[in-house]
Amino acid sequence: MQTRNPFIDDLTKMANGAVGALTGVKGEVEARLRDQIARILDGMDIPRRDEFDAVKAMAAKAREENEGLKKQIAELQAKLAGK
């Protein structure tokens, strides 16, 4: 868009160029950041989702069994106390 004022036209061109440059820089920064985060996560010992779910299920089952064992112990202690 041309105006009658060349100064305004030059400012518009500069602004458009700056926006284009910033867009390119933003993309480069995002790519490098993703790479860096991926390297950091690869170095960590983080379990996979399926491993986490398996351990979670085992813990839930163990808690259920523990509650049953607590009841059995309480019953046995009551029998021993009552002799």
PDB file of N, CA and C in Angstrom:
ATOM      1  N   MET A   1       0.850  -1.175   0.000  1.00  0.00           N
ATOM      2  CA  MET A   1       0.000   0.000   0.000  1.00  0.00           C
ATOM      3  C   MET A   1       0.891   1.232   0.000  1.00  0.00           C
ATOM      4  N   GLN A   2       0.739   2.021  -0.980  1.00  0.00           N
ATOM      5  CA  GLN A   2       1.530   3.247  -1.127  1.00  0.00           C
ATOM      6  C   GLN A   2       0.727   4.428  -0.597  1.00  0.00           C
ATOM      7  N   THR A   3       1.424   5.300   0.102  1.00  0.00           N
ATOM      8  CA  THR A   3       0.804   6.539   0.560  1.00  0.00           C
ATOM      9  C   THR A   3       1.529   7.684  -0.107  1.00  0.00           C
ATOM     10  N   ARG A   4       1.097   8.863   0.161  1.00  0.00           N
ATOM     11  CA  ARG A   4       1.764  10.029  -0.401  1.00  0.00           C
ATOM     12  C   ARG A   4       3.019  10.398   0.374  1.00  0.00           C
ATOM     13  N   ASN A   5       3.162   9.792   1.522  1.00  0.00           N
ATOM     14  CA  ASN A   5       4.306  10.100   2.375  1.00  0.00           C
ATOM     15  C   ASN A   5       5.327   8.966   2.287  1.00  0.00           C
ATOM     16  N   PRO A   6       6.497   9.197   1.667  1.00  0.00           N
ATOM     17  CA  PRO A   6       7.485   8.126   1.530  1.00  0.00           C
ATOM     18  C   PRO A   6       8.022   7.668   2.890  1.00  0.00           C
ATOM     19  N   PHE A   7       8.032   8.540   3.875  1.00  0.00           N
ATOM     20  CA  PHE A   7       8.502   8.173   5.204  1.00  0.00           C
ATOM     21  C   PHE A   7       7.608   7.080   5.802  1.00  0.00           C
ATOM     22  N   ILE A   8       6.315   7.257   5.656  1.00  0.00           N
ATOM     23  CA  ILE A   8       5.355   6.249   6.146  1.00  0.00           C
ATOM     24  C   ILE A   8       5.540   4.944   5.379  1.00  0.00           C
ATOM     25  N   ASP A   9       5.745   5.037   4.085  1.00  0.00           N
ATOM     26  CA  ASP A   9       5.959   3.827   3.282  1.00  0.00           C
ATOM     27  C   ASP A   9       7.212   3.083   3.745  1.00  0.00           C
ATOM     28  N   ASP A  10       8.279   3.815   4.011  1.00  0.00           N
ATOM     29  CA  ASP A  10       9.519   3.190   4.473  1.00  0.00           C
ATOM     30  C   ASP A  10       9.331   2.538   5.848  1.00  0.00           C
ATOM     31  N   LEU A  11       8.616   3.231   6.726  1.00  0.00           N
ATOM     32  CA  LEU A  11       8.345   2.655   8.046  1.00  0.00           C
ATOM     33  C   LEU A  11       7.532   1.365   7.928  1.00  0.00           C
ATOM     34  N   THR A  12       6.582   1.356   7.032  1.00  0.00           N
ATOM     35  CA  THR A  12       5.753   0.164   6.825  1.00  0.00           C
ATOM     36  C   THR A  12       6.605  -0.992   6.324  1.00  0.00           C
ATOM     37  N   LYS A  13       7.503  -0.725   5.380  1.00  0.00           N
ATOM     38  CA  LYS A  13       8.381  -1.770   4.851  1.00  0.00           C
ATOM     39  C   LYS A  13       9.297  -2.305   5.953  1.00  0.00           C
ATOM     40  N   MET A  14       9.819  -1.400   6.774  1.00  0.00           N
ATOM     41  CA  MET A  14      10.689  -1.829   7.867  1.00  0.00           C
ATOM     42  C   MET A  14       9.930  -2.692   8.874  1.00  0.00           C
ATOM     43  N   ALA A  15       8.722  -2.278   9.191  1.00  0.00           N
ATOM     44  CA  ALA A  15       7.914  -3.037  10.151  1.00  0.00           C
ATOM     45  C   ALA A  15       7.613  -4.428   9.603  1.00  0.00           C
ATOM     46  N   ASN A  16       7.257  -4.504   8.325  1.00  0.00           N
ATOM     47  CA  ASN A  16       6.976  -5.806   7.715  1.00  0.00           C
ATOM     48  C   ASN A  16       8.216  -6.686   7.711  1.00  0.00           C
ATOM     49  N   GLY A  17       9.358  -6.099   7.427  1.00  0.00           N
ATOM     50  CA  GLY A  17      10.609  -6.854   7.438  1.00  0.00           C
ATOM     51  C   GLY A  17      10.947  -7.344   8.839  1.00  0.00           C
ATOM     52  N   ALA A  18      10.724  -6.487   9.830  1.00  0.00           N
ATOM     53  CA  ALA A  18      11.011  -6.871  11.215  1.00  0.00           C
ATOM     54  C   ALA A  18      10.110  -8.014  11.656  1.00  0.00           C
ATOM     55  N   VAL A  19       8.845  -7.947  11.287  1.00  0.00           N
ATOM     56  CA  VAL A  19       7.908  -9.017  11.649  1.00  0.00           C
ATOM     57  C   VAL A  19       8.334 -10.321  10.994  1.00  0.00           C
ATOM     58  N   GLY A  20       8.740 -10.273   9.747  1.00  0.00           N
ATOM     59  CA  GLY A  20       9.205 -11.473   9.061  1.00  0.00           C
ATOM     60  C   GLY A  20      10.444 -12.055   9.720  1.00  0.00           C
ATOM     61  N   ALA A  21      11.374 -11.186  10.082  1.00  0.00           N
ATOM     62  CA  ALA A  21      12.604 -11.651  10.742  1.00  0.00           C
ATOM     63  C   ALA A  21      12.280 -12.260  12.105  1.00  0.00           C
ATOM     64  N   LEU A  22      11.418 -11.626  12.863  1.00  0.00           N
ATOM     65  CA  LEU A  22      11.055 -12.144  14.178  1.00  0.00           C
ATOM     66  C   LEU A  22      10.351 -13.493  14.078  1.00  0.00           C
ATOM     67  N   THR A  23       9.540 -13.659  13.049  1.00  0.00           N
ATOM     68  CA  THR A  23       8.856 -14.937  12.849  1.00  0.00           C
ATOM     69  C   THR A  23       9.875 -16.042  12.599  1.00  0.00           C
ATOM     70  N   GLY A  24      10.879 -15.747  11.787  1.00  0.00           N
ATOM     71  CA  GLY A  24      11.933 -16.728  11.522  1.00  0.00           C
ATOM     72  C   GLY A  24      12.740 -17.044  12.764  1.00  0.00           C
ATOM     73  N   VAL A  25      13.084 -16.031  13.533  1.00  0.00           N
ATOM     74  CA  VAL A  25      13.840 -16.223  14.765  1.00  0.00           C
ATOM     75  C   VAL A  25      13.017 -17.045  15.757  1.00  0.00           C
ATOM     76  N   LYS A  26      11.732 -16.753  15.852  1.00  0.00           N
ATOM     77  CA  LYS A  26      10.863 -17.490  16.773  1.00  0.00           C
ATOM     78  C   LYS A  26      10.852 -18.979  16.422  1.00  0.00           C
ATOM     79  N   GLY A  27      10.738 -19.278  15.139  1.00  0.00           N
ATOM     80  CA  GLY A  27      10.744 -20.679  14.717  1.00  0.00           C
ATOM     81  C   GLY A  27      12.048 -21.372  15.051  1.00  0.00           C
ATOM     82  N   GLU A  28      13.171 -20.679  14.851  1.00  0.00           N
ATOM     83  CA  GLU A  28      14.483 -21.243  15.163  1.00  0.00           C
ATOM     84  C   GLU A  28      14.641 -21.485  16.659  1.00  0.00           C
ATOM     85  N   VAL A  29      14.211 -20.527  17.467  1.00  0.00           N
ATOM     86  CA  VAL A  29      14.301 -20.670  18.922  1.00  0.00           C
ATOM     87  C   VAL A  29      13.436 -21.836  19.389  1.00  0.00           C
ATOM     88  N   GLU A  30      12.233 -21.963  18.862  1.00  0.00           N
ATOM     89  CA  GLU A  30      11.350 -23.066  19.257  1.00  0.00           C
ATOM     90  C   GLU A  30      11.966 -24.415  18.900  1.00  0.00           C
ATOM     91  N   ALA A  31      12.565 -24.512  17.709  1.00  0.00           N
ATOM     92  CA  ALA A  31      13.178 -25.776  17.284  1.00  0.00           C
ATOM     93  C   ALA A  31      14.346 -26.140  18.197  1.00  0.00           C
ATOM     94  N   ARG A  32      15.193 -25.176  18.503  1.00  0.00           N
ATOM     95  CA  ARG A  32      16.331 -25.452  19.381  1.00  0.00           C
ATOM     96  C   ARG A  32      15.866 -25.824  20.788  1.00  0.00           C
ATOM     97  N   LEU A  33      14.844 -25.157  21.266  1.00  0.00           N
ATOM     98  CA  LEU A  33      14.312 -25.451  22.597  1.00  0.00           C
ATOM     99  C   LEU A  33      13.734 -26.859  22.649  1.00  0.00           C
ATOM    100  N   ARG A  34      13.001 -27.254  21.602  1.00  0.00           N
ATOM    101  CA  ARG A  34      12.453 -28.614  21.551  1.00  0.00           C
ATOM    102  C   ARG A  34      13.581 -29.645  21.575  1.00  0.00           C
ATOM    103  N   ASP A  35      14.652 -29.388  20.803  1.00  0.00           N
ATOM    104  CA  ASP A  35      15.788 -30.310  20.777  1.00  0.00           C
ATOM    105  C   ASP A  35      16.445 -30.417  22.148  1.00  0.00           C
ATOM    106  N   GLN A  36      16.613 -29.281  22.796  1.00  0.00           N
ATOM    107  CA  GLN A  36      17.253 -29.274  24.107  1.00  0.00           C
ATOM    108  C   GLN A  36      16.407 -30.014  25.144  1.00  0.00           C
ATOM    109  N   ILE A  37      15.103 -29.786  25.122  1.00  0.00           N
ATOM    110  CA  ILE A  37      14.202 -30.484  26.052  1.00  0.00           C
ATOM    111  C   ILE A  37      14.221 -31.980  25.785  1.00  0.00           C
ATOM    112  N   ALA A  38      14.239 -32.366  24.512  1.00  0.00           N
ATOM    113  CA  ALA A  38      14.281 -33.788  24.162  1.00  0.00           C
ATOM    114  C   ALA A  38      15.563 -34.428  24.692  1.00  0.00           C
ATOM    115  N   ARG A  39      16.716 -33.730  24.572  1.00  0.00           N
ATOM    116  CA  ARG A  39      17.977 -34.260  25.082  1.00  0.00           C
ATOM    117  C   ARG A  39      17.937 -34.410  26.605  1.00  0.00           C
ATOM    118  N   ILE A  40      17.367 -33.432  27.279  1.00  0.00           N
ATOM    119  CA  ILE A  40      17.273 -33.495  28.742  1.00  0.00           C
ATOM    120  C   ILE A  40      16.396 -34.666  29.163  1.00  0.00           C
ATOM    121  N   LEU A  41      15.249 -34.823  28.513  1.00  0.00           N
ATOM    122  CA  LEU A  41      14.326 -35.908  28.872  1.00  0.00           C
ATOM    123  C   LEU A  41      14.915 -37.273  28.557  1.00  0.00           C
ATOM    124  N   ASP A  42      15.693 -37.363  27.469  1.00  0.00           N
ATOM    125  CA  ASP A  42      16.325 -38.644  27.134  1.00  0.00           C
ATOM    126  C   ASP A  42      17.320 -39.061  28.208  1.00  0.00           C
ATOM    127  N   GLY A  43      17.950 -38.094  28.844  1.00  0.00           N
ATOM    128  CA  GLY A  43      18.932 -38.398  29.881  1.00  0.00           C
ATOM    129  C   GLY A  43      18.313 -38.751  31.223  1.00  0.00           C
ATOM    130  N   MET A  44      17.042 -38.506  31.380  1.00  0.00           N
ATOM    131  CA  MET A  44      16.368 -38.798  32.648  1.00  0.00           C
ATOM    132  C   MET A  44      15.807 -40.218  32.613  1.00  0.00           C
ATOM    133  N   ASP A  45      15.689 -40.801  33.774  1.00  0.00           N
ATOM    134  CA  ASP A  45      15.148 -42.160  33.878  1.00  0.00           C
ATOM    135  C   ASP A  45      13.656 -42.070  34.190  1.00  0.00           C
ATOM    136  N   ILE A  46      12.888 -41.712  33.185  1.00  0.00           N
ATOM    137  CA  ILE A  46      11.443 -41.546  33.348  1.00  0.00           C
ATOM    138  C   ILE A  46      10.748 -42.781  32.774  1.00  0.00           C
ATOM    139  N   PRO A  47       9.894 -43.404  33.564  1.00  0.00           N
ATOM    140  CA  PRO A  47       9.215 -44.600  33.039  1.00  0.00           C
ATOM    141  C   PRO A  47       8.228 -44.242  31.931  1.00  0.00           C
ATOM    142  N   ARG A  48       8.033 -45.206  31.055  1.00  0.00           N
ATOM    143  CA  ARG A  48       7.026 -45.026  30.001  1.00  0.00           C
ATOM    144  C   ARG A  48       5.646 -45.117  30.621  1.00  0.00           C
ATOM    145  N   ARG A  49       4.654 -44.660  29.905  1.00  0.00           N
ATOM    146  CA  ARG A  49       3.280 -44.650  30.424  1.00  0.00           C
ATOM    147  C   ARG A  49       2.802 -46.057  30.748  1.00  0.00           C
ATOM    148  N   ASP A  50       3.090 -47.026  29.881  1.00  0.00           N
ATOM    149  CA  ASP A  50       2.625 -48.390  30.142  1.00  0.00           C
ATOM    150  C   ASP A  50       3.307 -48.979  31.381  1.00  0.00           C
ATOM    151  N   GLU A  51       4.574 -48.630  31.622  1.00  0.00           N
ATOM    152  CA  GLU A  51       5.250 -49.089  32.831  1.00  0.00           C
ATOM    153  C   GLU A  51       4.619 -48.461  34.068  1.00  0.00           C
ATOM    154  N   PHE A  52       4.336 -47.168  33.977  1.00  0.00           N
ATOM    155  CA  PHE A  52       3.698 -46.470  35.089  1.00  0.00           C
ATOM    156  C   PHE A  52       2.347 -47.083  35.411  1.00  0.00           C
ATOM    157  N   ASP A  53       1.542 -47.341  34.377  1.00  0.00           N
ATOM    158  CA  ASP A  53       0.217 -47.925  34.592  1.00  0.00           C
ATOM    159  C   ASP A  53       0.303 -49.313  35.224  1.00  0.00           C
ATOM    160  N   ALA A  54       1.312 -50.098  34.810  1.00  0.00           N
ATOM    161  CA  ALA A  54       1.468 -51.442  35.373  1.00  0.00           C
ATOM    162  C   ALA A  54       1.814 -51.364  36.862  1.00  0.00           C
ATOM    163  N   VAL A  55       2.715 -50.484  37.228  1.00  0.00           N
ATOM    164  CA  VAL A  55       3.101 -50.341  38.635  1.00  0.00           C
ATOM    165  C   VAL A  55       1.935 -49.797  39.454  1.00  0.00           C
ATOM    166  N   LYS A  56       1.180 -48.883  38.865  1.00  0.00           N
ATOM    167  CA  LYS A  56       0.014 -48.318  39.556  1.00  0.00           C
ATOM    168  C   LYS A  56      -1.019 -49.409  39.843  1.00  0.00           C
ATOM    169  N   ALA A  57      -1.242 -50.286  38.864  1.00  0.00           N
ATOM    170  CA  ALA A  57      -2.201 -51.385  39.046  1.00  0.00           C
ATOM    171  C   ALA A  57      -1.702 -52.354  40.118  1.00  0.00           C
ATOM    172  N   MET A  58      -0.398 -52.633  40.124  1.00  0.00           N
ATOM    173  CA  MET A  58       0.161 -53.522  41.141  1.00  0.00           C
ATOM    174  C   MET A  58       0.008 -52.914  42.534  1.00  0.00           C
ATOM    175  N   ALA A  59       0.222 -51.616  42.654  1.00  0.00           N
ATOM    176  CA  ALA A  59       0.095 -50.944  43.949  1.00  0.00           C
ATOM    177  C   ALA A  59      -1.350 -50.987  44.437  1.00  0.00           C
ATOM    178  N   ALA A  60      -2.301 -50.792  43.526  1.00  0.00           N
ATOM    179  CA  ALA A  60      -3.716 -50.836  43.909  1.00  0.00           C
ATOM    180  C   ALA A  60      -4.087 -52.242  44.405  1.00  0.00           C
ATOM    181  N   LYS A  61      -3.597 -53.258  43.699  1.00  0.00           N
ATOM    182  CA  LYS A  61      -3.884 -54.635  44.102  1.00  0.00           C
ATOM    183  C   LYS A  61      -3.258 -54.930  45.467  1.00  0.00           C
ATOM    184  N   ALA A  62      -2.045 -54.462  45.676  1.00  0.00           N
ATOM    185  CA  ALA A  62      -1.362 -54.688  46.953  1.00  0.00           C
ATOM    186  C   ALA A  62      -2.113 -54.010  48.096  1.00  0.00           C
ATOM    187  N   ARG A  63      -2.644 -52.810  47.845  1.00  0.00           N
ATOM    188  CA  ARG A  63      -3.423 -52.123  48.887  1.00  0.00           C
ATOM    189  C   ARG A  63      -4.670 -52.918  49.239  1.00  0.00           C
ATOM    190  N   GLU A  64      -5.346 -53.451  48.234  1.00  0.00           N
ATOM    191  CA  GLU A  64      -6.542 -54.262  48.481  1.00  0.00           C
ATOM    192  C   GLU A  64      -6.188 -55.505  49.311  1.00  0.00           C
ATOM    193  N   GLU A  65      -5.111 -56.178  48.927  1.00  0.00           N
ATOM    194  CA  GLU A  65      -4.685 -57.372  49.660  1.00  0.00           C
ATOM    195  C   GLU A  65      -4.283 -57.005  51.089  1.00  0.00           C
ATOM    196  N   ASN A  66      -3.665 -55.864  51.262  1.00  0.00           N
ATOM    197  CA  ASN A  66      -3.239 -55.413  52.588  1.00  0.00           C
ATOM    198  C   ASN A  66      -4.454 -55.204  53.494  1.00  0.00           C
ATOM    199  N   GLU A  67      -5.523 -54.635  52.949  1.00  0.00           N
ATOM    200  CA  GLU A  67      -6.739 -54.433  53.748  1.00  0.00           C
ATOM    201  C   GLU A  67      -7.314 -55.781  54.193  1.00  0.00           C
ATOM    202  N   GLY A  68      -7.312 -56.762  53.297  1.00  0.00           N
ATOM    203  CA  GLY A  68      -7.803 -58.097  53.651  1.00  0.00           C
ATOM    204  C   GLY A  68      -6.950 -58.741  54.729  1.00  0.00           C
ATOM    205  N   LEU A  69      -5.647 -58.579  54.617  1.00  0.00           N
ATOM    206  CA  LEU A  69      -4.746 -59.139  55.622  1.00  0.00           C
ATOM    207  C   LEU A  69      -4.920 -58.456  56.974  1.00  0.00           C
ATOM    208  N   LYS A  70      -5.170 -57.162  56.977  1.00  0.00           N
ATOM    209  CA  LYS A  70      -5.416 -56.448  58.234  1.00  0.00           C
ATOM    210  C   LYS A  70      -6.638 -57.024  58.947  1.00  0.00           C
ATOM    211  N   LYS A  71      -7.678 -57.330  58.171  1.00  0.00           N
ATOM    212  CA  LYS A  71      -8.894 -57.898  58.759  1.00  0.00           C
ATOM    213  C   LYS A  71      -8.611 -59.282  59.343  1.00  0.00           C
ATOM    214  N   GLN A  72      -7.863 -60.087  58.604  1.00  0.00           N
ATOM    215  CA  GLN A  72      -7.537 -61.425  59.089  1.00  0.00           C
ATOM    216  C   GLN A  72      -6.706 -61.358  60.376  1.00  0.00           C
ATOM    217  N   ILE A  73      -5.748 -60.449  60.426  1.00  0.00           N
ATOM    218  CA  ILE A  73      -4.917 -60.293  61.625  1.00  0.00           C
ATOM    219  C   ILE A  73      -5.777 -59.870  62.810  1.00  0.00           C
ATOM    220  N   ALA A  74      -6.694 -58.933  62.568  1.00  0.00           N
ATOM    221  CA  ALA A  74      -7.570 -58.474  63.650  1.00  0.00           C
ATOM    222  C   ALA A  74      -8.434 -59.619  64.168  1.00  0.00           C
ATOM    223  N   GLU A  75      -8.944 -60.467  63.267  1.00  0.00           N
ATOM    224  CA  GLU A  75      -9.764 -61.608  63.680  1.00  0.00           C
ATOM    225  C   GLU A  75      -8.934 -62.615  64.486  1.00  0.00           C
ATOM    226  N   LEU A  76      -7.719 -62.882  64.027  1.00  0.00           N
ATOM    227  CA  LEU A  76      -6.851 -63.819  64.734  1.00  0.00           C
ATOM    228  C   LEU A  76      -6.470 -63.285  66.116  1.00  0.00           C
ATOM    229  N   GLN A  77      -6.203 -61.983  66.194  1.00  0.00           N
ATOM    230  CA  GLN A  77      -5.862 -61.391  67.484  1.00  0.00           C
ATOM    231  C   GLN A  77      -7.054 -61.455  68.438  1.00  0.00           C
ATOM    232  N   ALA A  78      -8.244 -61.269  67.899  1.00  0.00           N
ATOM    233  CA  ALA A  78      -9.451 -61.357  68.735  1.00  0.00           C
ATOM    234  C   ALA A  78      -9.620 -62.778  69.253  1.00  0.00           C
ATOM    235  N   LYS A  79      -9.370 -63.776  68.401  1.00  0.00           N
ATOM    236  CA  LYS A  79      -9.483 -65.176  68.836  1.00  0.00           C
ATOM    237  C   LYS A  79      -8.451 -65.484  69.902  1.00  0.00           C
ATOM    238  N   LEU A  80      -7.238 -65.019  69.703  1.00  0.00           N
ATOM    239  CA  LEU A  80      -6.186 -65.261  70.697  1.00  0.00           C
ATOM    240  C   LEU A  80      -6.484 -64.573  72.026  1.00  0.00           C
ATOM    241  N   ALA A  81      -7.018 -63.397  71.964  1.00  0.00           N
ATOM    242  CA  ALA A  81      -7.346 -62.663  73.184  1.00  0.00           C
ATOM    243  C   ALA A  81      -8.504 -63.337  73.903  1.00  0.00           C
ATOM    244  N   GLY A  82      -9.414 -63.935  73.195  1.00  0.00           N
ATOM    245  CA  GLY A  82     -10.594 -64.576  73.798  1.00  0.00           C
ATOM    246  C   GLY A  82     -10.324 -65.974  74.294  1.00  0.00           C
ATOM    247  N   LYS A  83      -9.310 -66.610  73.838  1.00  0.00           N
ATOM    248  CA  LYS A  83      -8.958 -67.992  74.175  1.00  0.00           C
ATOM    249  C   LYS A  83     -10.117 -68.697  74.775  1.00  0.00           C
TER     250      LYS A  83
END
